[in-house]
Amino acid sequence: MHTSTQLAKILAIKKDLDPELAGLVCVFHDVYTLLTGEYRDHGVKAEHYVREIVDEYNKRWGFKIGSISEEEVSVIVDAVAVHSDKQKFSDNPYTELLRDIDSLDAYLNGMEPGENTGRKQRVRLVTRELGLRVQV
């Protein structure tokens, strides 16, 4: 989670997106699996946990260091819900960023980006975008 968050901030800066929002998208992308131990449909099932955690954060800390808006929660929930489908492409920049970063982070941690998963293509695209020479 930490690695993908930092990578997301770097890519967000490169894409002229909000790096803090990109980081939050990555913080929450596997929250369902983390809290339940279940992987199946973990993106779609994450919304309840995202909202619960954000609500608690906003109550405890939002007034001190800035709250997370409902618009930002919607961006997070939308991206997290579909991030596992790496073969699809959308017009949502945060969804695409999460799919790319999830693929890159898995690759950097030794996961083989199988041919039919869409990860290999995403790793190639994002490393090229970042100016990295990587053979995948």
Protein backbone atom coordinates (compact mmCIF):
# COMPACT_ATOMS: atom_id res chain seq x y z
CA MET A 1 0.00 0.00 0.00
CA HIS A 2 2.77 2.43 0.89
CA THR A 3 4.74 1.78 -2.29
CA SER A 4 1.72 2.13 -4.56
CA THR A 5 0.76 5.37 -2.80
CA GLN A 6 4.16 6.92 -3.40
CA LEU A 7 4.26 5.72 -7.00
CA ALA A 8 0.78 7.16 -7.53
CA LYS A 9 1.86 10.57 -6.28
CA ILE A 10 4.79 10.59 -8.70
CA LEU A 11 2.60 9.58 -11.64
CA ALA A 12 -0.09 12.09 -10.61
CA ILE A 13 2.46 14.90 -10.69
CA LYS A 14 3.57 13.74 -14.13
CA LYS A 15 -0.07 13.67 -15.33
CA ASP A 16 -0.96 16.98 -13.65
CA LEU A 17 -3.45 15.30 -11.29
CA ASP A 18 -3.88 15.89 -7.57
CA PRO A 19 -1.14 13.80 -5.93
CA GLU A 20 -2.93 13.63 -2.57
CA LEU A 21 -6.12 12.31 -4.15
CA ALA A 22 -4.11 9.84 -6.24
CA GLY A 23 -2.40 8.69 -3.05
CA LEU A 24 -5.75 8.19 -1.31
CA VAL A 25 -7.05 6.17 -4.24
CA CYS A 26 -4.09 3.83 -3.81
CA VAL A 27 -4.36 3.73 -0.02
CA PHE A 28 -7.89 2.37 -0.35
CA HIS A 29 -7.55 0.13 -3.40
CA ASP A 30 -7.19 -3.15 -1.47
CA VAL A 31 -8.95 -2.11 1.75
CA TYR A 32 -11.62 -4.79 1.44
CA THR A 33 -9.04 -7.55 1.15
CA LEU A 34 -6.98 -6.08 3.97
CA LEU A 35 -9.94 -5.94 6.35
CA THR A 36 -11.74 -9.15 5.38
CA GLY A 37 -9.05 -11.42 3.98
CA GLU A 38 -11.19 -11.95 0.89
CA TYR A 39 -10.07 -11.08 -2.63
CA ARG A 40 -13.05 -11.88 -4.86
CA ASP A 41 -14.72 -8.67 -6.08
CA HIS A 42 -12.68 -6.73 -3.53
CA GLY A 43 -12.84 -3.47 -5.47
CA VAL A 44 -16.61 -3.44 -5.78
CA LYS A 45 -17.08 -4.50 -2.16
CA ALA A 46 -14.78 -1.80 -0.78
CA GLU A 47 -17.18 1.15 -0.82
CA HIS A 48 -18.61 0.56 2.66
CA TYR A 49 -15.13 0.40 4.19
CA VAL A 50 -13.88 3.44 2.28
CA ARG A 51 -16.82 5.53 3.46
CA GLU A 52 -16.57 4.25 7.04
CA ILE A 53 -12.85 5.04 7.29
CA VAL A 54 -13.22 8.45 5.64
CA ASP A 55 -16.10 9.35 7.95
CA GLU A 56 -14.03 8.43 11.00
CA TYR A 57 -11.04 10.36 9.67
CA ASN A 58 -13.16 13.44 8.95
CA LYS A 59 -14.68 13.34 12.45
CA ARG A 60 -11.33 12.93 14.21
CA TRP A 61 -8.88 14.85 12.03
CA GLY A 62 -10.68 16.64 9.21
CA PHE A 63 -11.08 19.90 11.06
CA LYS A 64 -7.36 19.96 11.92
CA ILE A 65 -5.66 18.87 8.73
CA GLY A 66 -8.39 18.99 6.10
CA SER A 67 -11.34 16.76 5.48
CA ILE A 68 -11.91 14.44 2.54
CA SER A 69 -14.87 15.72 0.52
CA GLU A 70 -17.75 13.66 -0.81
CA GLU A 71 -16.52 14.43 -4.33
CA GLU A 72 -13.10 12.97 -3.44
CA VAL A 73 -14.74 9.92 -1.86
CA SER A 74 -16.66 9.37 -5.10
CA VAL A 75 -13.42 9.50 -7.10
CA ILE A 76 -11.85 6.98 -4.72
CA VAL A 77 -14.84 4.61 -4.71
CA ASP A 78 -15.22 4.74 -8.51
CA ALA A 79 -11.54 3.99 -9.14
CA VAL A 80 -11.31 1.25 -6.51
CA ALA A 81 -14.45 -0.50 -7.77
CA VAL A 82 -12.99 -1.23 -11.22
CA HIS A 83 -9.23 -1.27 -10.65
CA SER A 84 -8.85 -5.02 -11.02
CA ASP A 85 -9.91 -5.03 -14.67
CA LYS A 86 -6.59 -4.02 -16.22
CA GLN A 87 -7.72 -4.85 -19.77
CA LYS A 88 -10.30 -2.06 -19.88
CA PHE A 89 -9.50 1.60 -20.41
CA SER A 90 -11.64 4.54 -19.36
CA ASP A 91 -11.71 8.33 -19.51
CA ASN A 92 -11.36 8.55 -15.71
CA PRO A 93 -7.76 9.61 -15.00
CA TYR A 94 -7.75 8.31 -11.42
CA THR A 95 -9.10 4.92 -12.47
CA GLU A 96 -6.42 4.66 -15.13
CA LEU A 97 -3.73 5.84 -12.72
CA LEU A 98 -4.76 3.18 -10.17
CA ARG A 99 -4.82 0.41 -12.76
CA ASP A 100 -1.37 1.45 -13.97
CA ILE A 101 0.13 1.81 -10.51
CA ASP A 102 -1.37 -1.45 -9.26
CA SER A 103 0.22 -3.18 -12.25
CA LEU A 104 3.58 -1.45 -11.82
CA ASP A 105 3.71 -2.07 -8.08
CA ALA A 106 2.93 -5.77 -8.55
CA TYR A 107 5.64 -5.98 -11.22
CA LEU A 108 8.21 -4.24 -9.01
CA ASN A 109 7.37 -6.71 -6.24
CA GLY A 110 8.05 -9.71 -8.47
CA MET A 111 4.58 -10.59 -9.74
CA GLU A 112 4.72 -11.91 -13.27
CA PRO A 113 2.40 -9.70 -15.38
CA GLY A 114 0.64 -12.48 -17.30
CA GLU A 115 -0.17 -12.08 -20.95
CA ASN A 116 -3.96 -12.09 -20.60
CA THR A 117 -4.29 -9.88 -17.52
CA GLY A 118 -3.62 -6.48 -19.07
CA ARG A 119 -0.87 -5.86 -16.51
CA LYS A 120 1.99 -6.29 -18.96
CA GLN A 121 0.63 -3.63 -21.32
CA ARG A 122 0.05 -1.26 -18.40
CA VAL A 123 3.56 -1.78 -17.02
CA ARG A 124 4.99 -1.03 -20.44
CA LEU A 125 2.87 2.11 -20.84
CA VAL A 126 3.50 3.55 -17.39
CA THR A 127 7.25 2.87 -17.38
CA ARG A 128 7.53 4.51 -20.79
CA GLU A 129 5.51 7.48 -19.51
CA LEU A 130 7.86 7.81 -16.55
CA GLY A 131 10.90 7.57 -18.82
CA LEU A 132 12.05 4.23 -17.38
CA ARG A 133 13.72 1.58 -19.48
CA VAL A 134 12.18 -1.69 -18.40
CA GLN A 135 11.78 -4.87 -20.39
CA VAL A 136 8.57 -6.62 -19.49
